[in-house]
Amino acid sequence: MKKFDWKKVGYIFGIVLFFVGTLDPLEGSVLIVFGSVILTFITKRTNDRHKKWFRLNAILIIIGVIFMFYLSSLGGFGGASELSWWWALLILPYPVGWLSQVILLLMRLFEKK
């Protein structure tokens, strides 16, 4: 009987949360944050060679999502809002971190073992 590998299950769970949150990037941003944090935690525990990239992506995603919720609480930006469109630059770390995370996961999927 094989020993239960919680790290592998956690890694897969993090990927699932990350991609389920991607179905709706606004409301699913919380799932994306949790998925990226779980991936960061698991890769740190397994001493993975990409752990720094996972950490950087998680930090970018968290910062972008925090600013997204903050600006949303202020009424958004542009249009009838008092905030100009330039405030949207504060959200930019979220899609950059997300895209970098997707690229990293795809690289890991197709790399030779």
PDB file of N, CA and C in Angstrom:
ATOM      1  N   MET A   1       0.840  -1.184   0.000  1.00  0.00           N
ATOM      2  CA  MET A   1       0.000   0.000   0.000  1.00  0.00           C
ATOM      3  C   MET A   1       0.883   1.244   0.000  1.00  0.00           C
ATOM      4  N   LYS A   2       0.549   2.188  -0.864  1.00  0.00           N
ATOM      5  CA  LYS A   2       1.340   3.415  -0.968  1.00  0.00           C
ATOM      6  C   LYS A   2       1.035   4.351   0.185  1.00  0.00           C
ATOM      7  N   LYS A   3       2.059   5.099   0.566  1.00  0.00           N
ATOM      8  CA  LYS A   3       1.891   6.104   1.612  1.00  0.00           C
ATOM      9  C   LYS A   3       1.196   7.329   1.013  1.00  0.00           C
ATOM     10  N   PHE A   4       0.288   7.924   1.794  1.00  0.00           N
ATOM     11  CA  PHE A   4      -0.452   9.095   1.343  1.00  0.00           C
ATOM     12  C   PHE A   4       0.502  10.282   1.225  1.00  0.00           C
ATOM     13  N   ASP A   5       0.546  10.904   0.055  1.00  0.00           N
ATOM     14  CA  ASP A   5       1.434  12.043  -0.183  1.00  0.00           C
ATOM     15  C   ASP A   5       0.617  13.327  -0.172  1.00  0.00           C
ATOM     16  N   TRP A   6       0.533  13.957   0.999  1.00  0.00           N
ATOM     17  CA  TRP A   6      -0.278  15.171   1.153  1.00  0.00           C
ATOM     18  C   TRP A   6       0.273  16.325   0.337  1.00  0.00           C
ATOM     19  N   LYS A   7       1.575  16.309   0.064  1.00  0.00           N
ATOM     20  CA  LYS A   7       2.162  17.404  -0.717  1.00  0.00           C
ATOM     21  C   LYS A   7       1.683  17.360  -2.170  1.00  0.00           C
ATOM     22  N   LYS A   8       1.592  16.162  -2.719  1.00  0.00           N
ATOM     23  CA  LYS A   8       1.101  16.029  -4.096  1.00  0.00           C
ATOM     24  C   LYS A   8      -0.375  16.409  -4.182  1.00  0.00           C
ATOM     25  N   VAL A   9      -1.159  15.990  -3.199  1.00  0.00           N
ATOM     26  CA  VAL A   9      -2.580  16.338  -3.160  1.00  0.00           C
ATOM     27  C   VAL A   9      -2.738  17.847  -2.997  1.00  0.00           C
ATOM     28  N   GLY A  10      -1.940  18.451  -2.129  1.00  0.00           N
ATOM     29  CA  GLY A  10      -1.998  19.901  -1.932  1.00  0.00           C
ATOM     30  C   GLY A  10      -1.620  20.660  -3.192  1.00  0.00           C
ATOM     31  N   TYR A  11      -0.617  20.171  -3.909  1.00  0.00           N
ATOM     32  CA  TYR A  11      -0.192  20.804  -5.157  1.00  0.00           C
ATOM     33  C   TYR A  11      -1.325  20.768  -6.186  1.00  0.00           C
ATOM     34  N   ILE A  12      -1.941  19.605  -6.327  1.00  0.00           N
ATOM     35  CA  ILE A  12      -3.052  19.469  -7.276  1.00  0.00           C
ATOM     36  C   ILE A  12      -4.233  20.332  -6.841  1.00  0.00           C
ATOM     37  N   PHE A  13      -4.525  20.367  -5.538  1.00  0.00           N
ATOM     38  CA  PHE A  13      -5.613  21.194  -5.020  1.00  0.00           C
ATOM     39  C   PHE A  13      -5.354  22.677  -5.309  1.00  0.00           C
ATOM     40  N   GLY A  14      -4.108  23.121  -5.151  1.00  0.00           N
ATOM     41  CA  GLY A  14      -3.745  24.502  -5.452  1.00  0.00           C
ATOM     42  C   GLY A  14      -3.951  24.833  -6.919  1.00  0.00           C
ATOM     43  N   ILE A  15      -3.572  23.912  -7.795  1.00  0.00           N
ATOM     44  CA  ILE A  15      -3.767  24.119  -9.230  1.00  0.00           C
ATOM     45  C   ILE A  15      -5.252  24.180  -9.567  1.00  0.00           C
ATOM     46  N   VAL A  16      -6.042  23.294  -8.968  1.00  0.00           N
ATOM     47  CA  VAL A  16      -7.483  23.287  -9.227  1.00  0.00           C
ATOM     48  C   VAL A  16      -8.111  24.604  -8.766  1.00  0.00           C
ATOM     49  N   LEU A  17      -7.781  25.055  -7.551  1.00  0.00           N
ATOM     50  CA  LEU A  17      -8.314  26.332  -7.068  1.00  0.00           C
ATOM     51  C   LEU A  17      -7.920  27.468  -8.000  1.00  0.00           C
ATOM     52  N   PHE A  18      -6.665  27.466  -8.420  1.00  0.00           N
ATOM     53  CA  PHE A  18      -6.156  28.520  -9.295  1.00  0.00           C
ATOM     54  C   PHE A  18      -6.950  28.584 -10.594  1.00  0.00           C
ATOM     55  N   PHE A  19      -7.188  27.448 -11.221  1.00  0.00           N
ATOM     56  CA  PHE A  19      -7.871  27.451 -12.506  1.00  0.00           C
ATOM     57  C   PHE A  19      -9.389  27.577 -12.382  1.00  0.00           C
ATOM     58  N   VAL A  20      -9.975  27.118 -11.292  1.00  0.00           N
ATOM     59  CA  VAL A  20     -11.411  27.336 -11.082  1.00  0.00           C
ATOM     60  C   VAL A  20     -11.674  28.830 -10.881  1.00  0.00           C
ATOM     61  N   GLY A  21     -10.792  29.504 -10.153  1.00  0.00           N
ATOM     62  CA  GLY A  21     -10.919  30.946  -9.971  1.00  0.00           C
ATOM     63  C   GLY A  21     -10.771  31.702 -11.268  1.00  0.00           C
ATOM     64  N   THR A  22     -10.055  31.138 -12.206  1.00  0.00           N
ATOM     65  CA  THR A  22      -9.832  31.785 -13.498  1.00  0.00           C
ATOM     66  C   THR A  22     -11.107  31.861 -14.331  1.00  0.00           C
ATOM     67  N   LEU A  23     -12.073  30.993 -14.050  1.00  0.00           N
ATOM     68  CA  LEU A  23     -13.328  31.028 -14.804  1.00  0.00           C
ATOM     69  C   LEU A  23     -14.031  32.375 -14.658  1.00  0.00           C
ATOM     70  N   ASP A  24     -13.877  33.008 -13.508  1.00  0.00           N
ATOM     71  CA  ASP A  24     -14.399  34.360 -13.300  1.00  0.00           C
ATOM     72  C   ASP A  24     -13.328  35.136 -12.534  1.00  0.00           C
ATOM     73  N   PRO A  25     -12.434  35.838 -13.243  1.00  0.00           N
ATOM     74  CA  PRO A  25     -11.272  36.452 -12.599  1.00  0.00           C
ATOM     75  C   PRO A  25     -11.599  37.502 -11.540  1.00  0.00           C
ATOM     76  N   LEU A  26     -12.810  38.071 -11.559  1.00  0.00           N
ATOM     77  CA  LEU A  26     -13.141  39.074 -10.554  1.00  0.00           C
ATOM     78  C   LEU A  26     -13.598  38.409  -9.260  1.00  0.00           C
ATOM     79  N   GLU A  27     -14.703  37.668  -9.306  1.00  0.00           N
ATOM     80  CA  GLU A  27     -15.174  36.994  -8.103  1.00  0.00           C
ATOM     81  C   GLU A  27     -14.292  35.802  -7.741  1.00  0.00           C
ATOM     82  N   GLY A  28     -13.640  35.206  -8.720  1.00  0.00           N
ATOM     83  CA  GLY A  28     -12.766  34.068  -8.461  1.00  0.00           C
ATOM     84  C   GLY A  28     -11.377  34.458  -8.002  1.00  0.00           C
ATOM     85  N   SER A  29     -11.133  35.750  -7.851  1.00  0.00           N
ATOM     86  CA  SER A  29      -9.796  36.195  -7.442  1.00  0.00           C
ATOM     87  C   SER A  29      -9.403  35.643  -6.078  1.00  0.00           C
ATOM     88  N   VAL A  30     -10.380  35.436  -5.206  1.00  0.00           N
ATOM     89  CA  VAL A  30     -10.079  34.871  -3.885  1.00  0.00           C
ATOM     90  C   VAL A  30      -9.580  33.436  -4.040  1.00  0.00           C
ATOM     91  N   LEU A  31     -10.199  32.668  -4.930  1.00  0.00           N
ATOM     92  CA  LEU A  31      -9.736  31.306  -5.193  1.00  0.00           C
ATOM     93  C   LEU A  31      -8.347  31.313  -5.821  1.00  0.00           C
ATOM     94  N   ILE A  32      -8.106  32.255  -6.707  1.00  0.00           N
ATOM     95  CA  ILE A  32      -6.789  32.359  -7.337  1.00  0.00           C
ATOM     96  C   ILE A  32      -5.728  32.673  -6.293  1.00  0.00           C
ATOM     97  N   VAL A  33      -6.048  33.569  -5.352  1.00  0.00           N
ATOM     98  CA  VAL A  33      -5.104  33.891  -4.275  1.00  0.00           C
ATOM     99  C   VAL A  33      -4.827  32.651  -3.440  1.00  0.00           C
ATOM    100  N   PHE A  34      -5.886  31.950  -3.003  1.00  0.00           N
ATOM    101  CA  PHE A  34      -5.682  30.752  -2.181  1.00  0.00           C
ATOM    102  C   PHE A  34      -4.910  29.678  -2.936  1.00  0.00           C
ATOM    103  N   GLY A  35      -5.231  29.486  -4.210  1.00  0.00           N
ATOM    104  CA  GLY A  35      -4.515  28.500  -5.000  1.00  0.00           C
ATOM    105  C   GLY A  35      -3.046  28.828  -5.145  1.00  0.00           C
ATOM    106  N   SER A  36      -2.730  30.092  -5.399  1.00  0.00           N
ATOM    107  CA  SER A  36      -1.321  30.472  -5.552  1.00  0.00           C
ATOM    108  C   SER A  36      -0.575  30.397  -4.223  1.00  0.00           C
ATOM    109  N   VAL A  37      -1.243  30.699  -3.121  1.00  0.00           N
ATOM    110  CA  VAL A  37      -0.600  30.589  -1.805  1.00  0.00           C
ATOM    111  C   VAL A  37      -0.346  29.119  -1.456  1.00  0.00           C
ATOM    112  N   ILE A  38      -1.305  28.249  -1.762  1.00  0.00           N
ATOM    113  CA  ILE A  38      -1.105  26.812  -1.516  1.00  0.00           C
ATOM    114  C   ILE A  38       0.052  26.287  -2.364  1.00  0.00           C
ATOM    115  N   LEU A  39       0.106  26.686  -3.634  1.00  0.00           N
ATOM    116  CA  LEU A  39       1.216  26.264  -4.497  1.00  0.00           C
ATOM    117  C   LEU A  39       2.553  26.757  -3.947  1.00  0.00           C
ATOM    118  N   THR A  40       2.572  27.989  -3.452  1.00  0.00           N
ATOM    119  CA  THR A  40       3.799  28.535  -2.879  1.00  0.00           C
ATOM    120  C   THR A  40       4.216  27.747  -1.643  1.00  0.00           C
ATOM    121  N   PHE A  41       3.256  27.449  -0.786  1.00  0.00           N
ATOM    122  CA  PHE A  41       3.544  26.698   0.436  1.00  0.00           C
ATOM    123  C   PHE A  41       4.081  25.302   0.114  1.00  0.00           C
ATOM    124  N   ILE A  42       3.439  24.611  -0.811  1.00  0.00           N
ATOM    125  CA  ILE A  42       3.848  23.246  -1.159  1.00  0.00           C
ATOM    126  C   ILE A  42       5.233  23.237  -1.805  1.00  0.00           C
ATOM    127  N   THR A  43       5.484  24.178  -2.721  1.00  0.00           N
ATOM    128  CA  THR A  43       6.799  24.189  -3.374  1.00  0.00           C
ATOM    129  C   THR A  43       7.903  24.573  -2.388  1.00  0.00           C
ATOM    130  N   LYS A  44       7.577  25.368  -1.384  1.00  0.00           N
ATOM    131  CA  LYS A  44       8.575  25.672  -0.347  1.00  0.00           C
ATOM    132  C   LYS A  44       8.853  24.436   0.509  1.00  0.00           C
ATOM    133  N   ARG A  45       7.799  23.702   0.859  1.00  0.00           N
ATOM    134  CA  ARG A  45       7.961  22.501   1.690  1.00  0.00           C
ATOM    135  C   ARG A  45       8.726  21.394   0.960  1.00  0.00           C
ATOM    136  N   THR A  46       8.563  21.320  -0.359  1.00  0.00           N
ATOM    137  CA  THR A  46       9.249  20.277  -1.123  1.00  0.00           C
ATOM    138  C   THR A  46      10.601  20.746  -1.642  1.00  0.00           C
ATOM    139  N   ASN A  47      10.971  21.973  -1.299  1.00  0.00           N
ATOM    140  CA  ASN A  47      12.244  22.566  -1.747  1.00  0.00           C
ATOM    141  C   ASN A  47      12.368  22.515  -3.271  1.00  0.00           C
ATOM    142  N   ASP A  48      11.300  22.890  -3.935  1.00  0.00           N
ATOM    143  CA  ASP A  48      11.236  22.898  -5.392  1.00  0.00           C
ATOM    144  C   ASP A  48      12.163  23.971  -5.952  1.00  0.00           C
ATOM    145  N   ARG A  49      12.702  23.731  -7.134  1.00  0.00           N
ATOM    146  CA  ARG A  49      13.632  24.707  -7.721  1.00  0.00           C
ATOM    147  C   ARG A  49      12.918  25.966  -8.215  1.00  0.00           C
ATOM    148  N   HIS A  50      11.596  25.920  -8.370  1.00  0.00           N
ATOM    149  CA  HIS A  50      10.833  27.089  -8.818  1.00  0.00           C
ATOM    150  C   HIS A  50      10.145  27.819  -7.662  1.00  0.00           C
ATOM    151  N   LYS A  51      10.511  27.509  -6.438  1.00  0.00           N
ATOM    152  CA  LYS A  51       9.787  28.067  -5.293  1.00  0.00           C
ATOM    153  C   LYS A  51       9.837  29.590  -5.247  1.00  0.00           C
ATOM    154  N   LYS A  52      10.920  30.198  -5.689  1.00  0.00           N
ATOM    155  CA  LYS A  52      11.008  31.664  -5.686  1.00  0.00           C
ATOM    156  C   LYS A  52      10.036  32.280  -6.690  1.00  0.00           C
ATOM    157  N   TRP A  53       9.854  31.619  -7.834  1.00  0.00           N
ATOM    158  CA  TRP A  53       8.912  32.122  -8.833  1.00  0.00           C
ATOM    159  C   TRP A  53       7.480  31.990  -8.346  1.00  0.00           C
ATOM    160  N   PHE A  54       7.177  30.865  -7.676  1.00  0.00           N
ATOM    161  CA  PHE A  54       5.837  30.707  -7.120  1.00  0.00           C
ATOM    162  C   PHE A  54       5.569  31.772  -6.059  1.00  0.00           C
ATOM    163  N   ARG A  55       6.571  32.068  -5.239  1.00  0.00           N
ATOM    164  CA  ARG A  55       6.415  33.097  -4.206  1.00  0.00           C
ATOM    165  C   ARG A  55       6.207  34.478  -4.835  1.00  0.00           C
ATOM    166  N   LEU A  56       7.001  34.803  -5.841  1.00  0.00           N
ATOM    167  CA  LEU A  56       6.859  36.096  -6.506  1.00  0.00           C
ATOM    168  C   LEU A  56       5.473  36.233  -7.149  1.00  0.00           C
ATOM    169  N   ASN A  57       5.022  35.182  -7.816  1.00  0.00           N
ATOM    170  CA  ASN A  57       3.700  35.222  -8.449  1.00  0.00           C
ATOM    171  C   ASN A  57       2.598  35.401  -7.412  1.00  0.00           C
ATOM    172  N   ALA A  58       2.714  34.693  -6.295  1.00  0.00           N
ATOM    173  CA  ALA A  58       1.698  34.817  -5.244  1.00  0.00           C
ATOM    174  C   ALA A  58       1.675  36.230  -4.677  1.00  0.00           C
ATOM    175  N   ILE A  59       2.834  36.817  -4.468  1.00  0.00           N
ATOM    176  CA  ILE A  59       2.905  38.184  -3.942  1.00  0.00           C
ATOM    177  C   ILE A  59       2.281  39.166  -4.933  1.00  0.00           C
ATOM    178  N   LEU A  60       2.597  39.021  -6.209  1.00  0.00           N
ATOM    179  CA  LEU A  60       2.004  39.902  -7.226  1.00  0.00           C
ATOM    180  C   LEU A  60       0.491  39.767  -7.263  1.00  0.00           C
ATOM    181  N   ILE A  61       0.011  38.538  -7.226  1.00  0.00           N
ATOM    182  CA  ILE A  61      -1.437  38.304  -7.273  1.00  0.00           C
ATOM    183  C   ILE A  61      -2.109  38.908  -6.042  1.00  0.00           C
ATOM    184  N   ILE A  62      -1.534  38.704  -4.878  1.00  0.00           N
ATOM    185  CA  ILE A  62      -2.121  39.231  -3.642  1.00  0.00           C
ATOM    186  C   ILE A  62      -2.176  40.754  -3.671  1.00  0.00           C
ATOM    187  N   ILE A  63      -1.093  41.388  -4.082  1.00  0.00           N
ATOM    188  CA  ILE A  63      -1.066  42.857  -4.136  1.00  0.00           C
ATOM    189  C   ILE A  63      -2.114  43.385  -5.115  1.00  0.00           C
ATOM    190  N   GLY A  64      -2.185  42.790  -6.295  1.00  0.00           N
ATOM    191  CA  GLY A  64      -3.157  43.232  -7.287  1.00  0.00           C
ATOM    192  C   GLY A  64      -4.593  43.034  -6.834  1.00  0.00           C
ATOM    193  N   VAL A  65      -4.869  41.918  -6.170  1.00  0.00           N
ATOM    194  CA  VAL A  65      -6.236  41.646  -5.704  1.00  0.00           C
ATOM    195  C   VAL A  65      -6.608  42.592  -4.560  1.00  0.00           C
ATOM    196  N   ILE A  66      -5.679  42.869  -3.676  1.00  0.00           N
ATOM    197  CA  ILE A  66      -5.953  43.822  -2.588  1.00  0.00           C
ATOM    198  C   ILE A  66      -6.312  45.192  -3.158  1.00  0.00           C
ATOM    199  N   PHE A  67      -5.527  45.667  -4.123  1.00  0.00           N
ATOM    200  CA  PHE A  67      -5.848  46.960  -4.740  1.00  0.00           C
ATOM    201  C   PHE A  67      -7.156  46.907  -5.518  1.00  0.00           C
ATOM    202  N   MET A  68      -7.466  45.765  -6.132  1.00  0.00           N
ATOM    203  CA  MET A  68      -8.714  45.635  -6.864  1.00  0.00           C
ATOM    204  C   MET A  68      -9.905  45.777  -5.914  1.00  0.00           C
ATOM    205  N   PHE A  69      -9.847  45.102  -4.765  1.00  0.00           N
ATOM    206  CA  PHE A  69     -10.929  45.228  -3.789  1.00  0.00           C
ATOM    207  C   PHE A  69     -10.986  46.630  -3.194  1.00  0.00           C
ATOM    208  N   TYR A  70      -9.825  47.234  -2.955  1.00  0.00           N
ATOM    209  CA  TYR A  70      -9.798  48.578  -2.386  1.00  0.00           C
ATOM    210  C   TYR A  70     -10.415  49.595  -3.356  1.00  0.00           C
ATOM    211  N   LEU A  71      -9.998  49.549  -4.603  1.00  0.00           N
ATOM    212  CA  LEU A  71     -10.550  50.481  -5.586  1.00  0.00           C
ATOM    213  C   LEU A  71     -12.035  50.226  -5.821  1.00  0.00           C
ATOM    214  N   SER A  72     -12.442  48.977  -5.745  1.00  0.00           N
ATOM    215  CA  SER A  72     -13.857  48.657  -5.882  1.00  0.00           C
ATOM    216  C   SER A  72     -14.657  49.241  -4.721  1.00  0.00           C
ATOM    217  N   SER A  73     -14.070  49.225  -3.525  1.00  0.00           N
ATOM    218  CA  SER A  73     -14.774  49.796  -2.369  1.00  0.00           C
ATOM    219  C   SER A  73     -14.894  51.318  -2.482  1.00  0.00           C
ATOM    220  N   LEU A  74     -14.007  51.937  -3.246  1.00  0.00           N
ATOM    221  CA  LEU A  74     -14.079  53.385  -3.463  1.00  0.00           C
ATOM    222  C   LEU A  74     -15.027  53.754  -4.610  1.00  0.00           C
ATOM    223  N   GLY A  75     -15.594  52.770  -5.261  1.00  0.00           N
ATOM    224  CA  GLY A  75     -16.523  53.039  -6.351  1.00  0.00           C
ATOM    225  C   GLY A  75     -15.934  52.809  -7.721  1.00  0.00           C
ATOM    226  N   GLY A  76     -14.772  52.223  -7.780  1.00  0.00           N
ATOM    227  CA  GLY A  76     -14.147  51.943  -9.068  1.00  0.00           C
ATOM    228  C   GLY A  76     -13.354  53.127  -9.592  1.00  0.00           C
ATOM    229  N   PHE A  77     -13.010  53.050 -10.853  1.00  0.00           N
ATOM    230  CA  PHE A  77     -12.228  54.115 -11.480  1.00  0.00           C
ATOM    231  C   PHE A  77     -12.779  54.383 -12.867  1.00  0.00           C
ATOM    232  N   GLY A  78     -12.478  55.578 -13.375  1.00  0.00           N
ATOM    233  CA  GLY A  78     -12.951  55.963 -14.700  1.00  0.00           C
ATOM    234  C   GLY A  78     -14.457  56.207 -14.715  1.00  0.00           C
ATOM    235  N   GLY A  79     -14.964  56.594 -15.823  1.00  0.00           N
ATOM    236  CA  GLY A  79     -16.404  56.811 -15.965  1.00  0.00           C
ATOM    237  C   GLY A  79     -16.927  57.861 -15.006  1.00  0.00           C
ATOM    238  N   ALA A  80     -17.974  57.529 -14.258  1.00  0.00           N
ATOM    239  CA  ALA A  80     -18.590  58.469 -13.323  1.00  0.00           C
ATOM    240  C   ALA A  80     -17.845  58.534 -11.992  1.00  0.00           C
ATOM    241  N   SER A  81     -16.833  57.708 -11.810  1.00  0.00           N
ATOM    242  CA  SER A  81     -16.080  57.686 -10.559  1.00  0.00           C
ATOM    243  C   SER A  81     -15.177  58.911 -10.457  1.00  0.00           C
ATOM    244  N   GLU A  82     -14.790  59.230  -9.240  1.00  0.00           N
ATOM    245  CA  GLU A  82     -13.871  60.349  -9.024  1.00  0.00           C
ATOM    246  C   GLU A  82     -12.426  59.976  -9.339  1.00  0.00           C
ATOM    247  N   LEU A  83     -12.130  58.686  -9.388  1.00  0.00           N
ATOM    248  CA  LEU A  83     -10.772  58.227  -9.661  1.00  0.00           C
ATOM    249  C   LEU A  83     -10.542  58.113 -11.166  1.00  0.00           C
ATOM    250  N   SER A  84      -9.376  58.540 -11.610  1.00  0.00           N
ATOM    251  CA  SER A  84      -9.073  58.448 -13.037  1.00  0.00           C
ATOM    252  C   SER A  84      -8.676  57.021 -13.399  1.00  0.00           C
ATOM    253  N   TRP A  85      -8.551  56.773 -14.688  1.00  0.00           N
ATOM    254  CA  TRP A  85      -8.164  55.451 -15.178  1.00  0.00           C
ATOM    255  C   TRP A  85      -6.757  55.070 -14.757  1.00  0.00           C
ATOM    256  N   TRP A  86      -5.922  56.020 -14.399  1.00  0.00           N
ATOM    257  CA  TRP A  86      -4.552  55.725 -13.997  1.00  0.00           C
ATOM    258  C   TRP A  86      -4.489  54.865 -12.739  1.00  0.00           C
ATOM    259  N   TRP A  87      -5.540  54.921 -11.932  1.00  0.00           N
ATOM    260  CA  TRP A  87      -5.578  54.098 -10.731  1.00  0.00           C
ATOM    261  C   TRP A  87      -5.617  52.612 -11.074  1.00  0.00           C
ATOM    262  N   ALA A  88      -6.007  52.287 -12.277  1.00  0.00           N
ATOM    263  CA  ALA A  88      -6.063  50.882 -12.696  1.00  0.00           C
ATOM    264  C   ALA A  88      -4.673  50.256 -12.742  1.00  0.00           C
ATOM    265  N   LEU A  89      -3.634  51.063 -12.824  1.00  0.00           N
ATOM    266  CA  LEU A  89      -2.267  50.519 -12.827  1.00  0.00           C
ATOM    267  C   LEU A  89      -1.943  49.778 -11.537  1.00  0.00           C
ATOM    268  N   LEU A  90      -2.640  50.120 -10.447  1.00  0.00           N
ATOM    269  CA  LEU A  90      -2.396  49.435  -9.181  1.00  0.00           C
ATOM    270  C   LEU A  90      -2.881  47.991  -9.215  1.00  0.00           C
ATOM    271  N   ILE A  91      -3.772  47.679 -10.141  1.00  0.00           N
ATOM    272  CA  ILE A  91      -4.294  46.315 -10.271  1.00  0.00           C
ATOM    273  C   ILE A  91      -3.381  45.466 -11.168  1.00  0.00           C
ATOM    274  N   LEU A  92      -2.507  46.091 -11.905  1.00  0.00           N
ATOM    275  CA  LEU A  92      -1.659  45.405 -12.886  1.00  0.00           C
ATOM    276  C   LEU A  92      -0.866  44.213 -12.338  1.00  0.00           C
ATOM    277  N   PRO A  93      -0.391  44.223 -11.092  1.00  0.00           N
ATOM    278  CA  PRO A  93       0.326  43.028 -10.610  1.00  0.00           C
ATOM    279  C   PRO A  93      -0.513  41.753 -10.628  1.00  0.00           C
ATOM    280  N   TYR A  94      -1.829  41.887 -10.505  1.00  0.00           N
ATOM    281  CA  TYR A  94      -2.703  40.701 -10.512  1.00  0.00           C
ATOM    282  C   TYR A  94      -2.625  39.946 -11.836  1.00  0.00           C
ATOM    283  N   PRO A  95      -2.903  40.576 -12.985  1.00  0.00           N
ATOM    284  CA  PRO A  95      -2.800  39.800 -14.233  1.00  0.00           C
ATOM    285  C   PRO A  95      -1.370  39.404 -14.581  1.00  0.00           C
ATOM    286  N   VAL A  96      -0.401  40.218 -14.186  1.00  0.00           N
ATOM    287  CA  VAL A  96       1.003  39.847 -14.461  1.00  0.00           C
ATOM    288  C   VAL A  96       1.380  38.598 -13.672  1.00  0.00           C
ATOM    289  N   GLY A  97       1.017  38.572 -12.393  1.00  0.00           N
ATOM    290  CA  GLY A  97       1.299  37.395 -11.566  1.00  0.00           C
ATOM    291  C   GLY A  97       0.541  36.177 -12.035  1.00  0.00           C
ATOM    292  N   TRP A  98      -0.717  36.383 -12.458  1.00  0.00           N
ATOM    293  CA  TRP A  98      -1.523  35.272 -12.952  1.00  0.00           C
ATOM    294  C   TRP A  98      -0.910  34.674 -14.215  1.00  0.00           C
ATOM    295  N   LEU A  99      -0.561  35.541 -15.163  1.00  0.00           N
ATOM    296  CA  LEU A  99       0.021  35.063 -16.416  1.00  0.00           C
ATOM    297  C   LEU A  99       1.364  34.365 -16.181  1.00  0.00           C
ATOM    298  N   SER A 100       2.162  34.922 -15.311  1.00  0.00           N
ATOM    299  CA  SER A 100       3.444  34.303 -14.983  1.00  0.00           C
ATOM    300  C   SER A 100       3.237  32.936 -14.324  1.00  0.00           C
ATOM    301  N   GLN A 101       2.224  32.835 -13.490  1.00  0.00           N
ATOM    302  CA  GLN A 101       1.918  31.555 -12.841  1.00  0.00           C
ATOM    303  C   GLN A 101       1.470  30.514 -13.870  1.00  0.00           C
ATOM    304  N   VAL A 102       0.639  30.913 -14.814  1.00  0.00           N
ATOM    305  CA  VAL A 102       0.185  29.994 -15.862  1.00  0.00           C
ATOM    306  C   VAL A 102       1.371  29.515 -16.693  1.00  0.00           C
ATOM    307  N   ILE A 103       2.255  30.436 -17.064  1.00  0.00           N
ATOM    308  CA  ILE A 103       3.435  30.065 -17.846  1.00  0.00           C
ATOM    309  C   ILE A 103       4.318  29.102 -17.065  1.00  0.00           C
ATOM    310  N   LEU A 104       4.498  29.368 -15.782  1.00  0.00           N
ATOM    311  CA  LEU A 104       5.313  28.494 -14.936  1.00  0.00           C
ATOM    312  C   LEU A 104       4.695  27.097 -14.832  1.00  0.00           C
ATOM    313  N   LEU A 105       3.388  27.027 -14.649  1.00  0.00           N
ATOM    314  CA  LEU A 105       2.730  25.721 -14.559  1.00  0.00           C
ATOM    315  C   LEU A 105       2.808  24.966 -15.890  1.00  0.00           C
ATOM    316  N   LEU A 106       2.675  25.681 -17.004  1.00  0.00           N
ATOM    317  CA  LEU A 106       2.807  25.026 -18.311  1.00  0.00           C
ATOM    318  C   LEU A 106       4.234  24.540 -18.551  1.00  0.00           C
ATOM    319  N   MET A 107       5.212  25.330 -18.151  1.00  0.00           N
ATOM    320  CA  MET A 107       6.617  24.904 -18.271  1.00  0.00           C
ATOM    321  C   MET A 107       6.848  23.628 -17.471  1.00  0.00           C
ATOM    322  N   ARG A 108       6.314  23.580 -16.267  1.00  0.00           N
ATOM    323  CA  ARG A 108       6.495  22.399 -15.432  1.00  0.00           C
ATOM    324  C   ARG A 108       5.753  21.188 -16.005  1.00  0.00           C
ATOM    325  N   LEU A 109       4.643  21.424 -16.690  1.00  0.00           N
ATOM    326  CA  LEU A 109       3.880  20.328 -17.276  1.00  0.00           C
ATOM    327  C   LEU A 109       4.657  19.665 -18.417  1.00  0.00           C
ATOM    328  N   PHE A 110       5.344  20.473 -19.216  1.00  0.00           N
ATOM    329  CA  PHE A 110       6.011  19.944 -20.408  1.00  0.00           C
ATOM    330  C   PHE A 110       7.506  19.721 -20.252  1.00  0.00           C
ATOM    331  N   GLU A 111       8.077  19.989 -19.089  1.00  0.00           N
ATOM    332  CA  GLU A 111       9.513  19.757 -18.921  1.00  0.00           C
ATOM    333  C   GLU A 111       9.782  18.280 -18.715  1.00  0.00           C
ATOM    334  N   LYS A 112      10.964  17.887 -19.103  1.00  0.00           N
ATOM    335  CA  LYS A 112      11.355  16.486 -18.946  1.00  0.00           C
ATOM    336  C   LYS A 112      11.720  16.230 -17.501  1.00  0.00           C
ATOM    337  N   LYS A 113      11.306  15.096 -17.016  1.00  0.00           N
ATOM    338  CA  LYS A 113      11.603  14.717 -15.626  1.00  0.00           C
ATOM    339  C   LYS A 113      12.985  14.148 -15.517  1.00  0.00           C
TER     340      LYS A 113
END
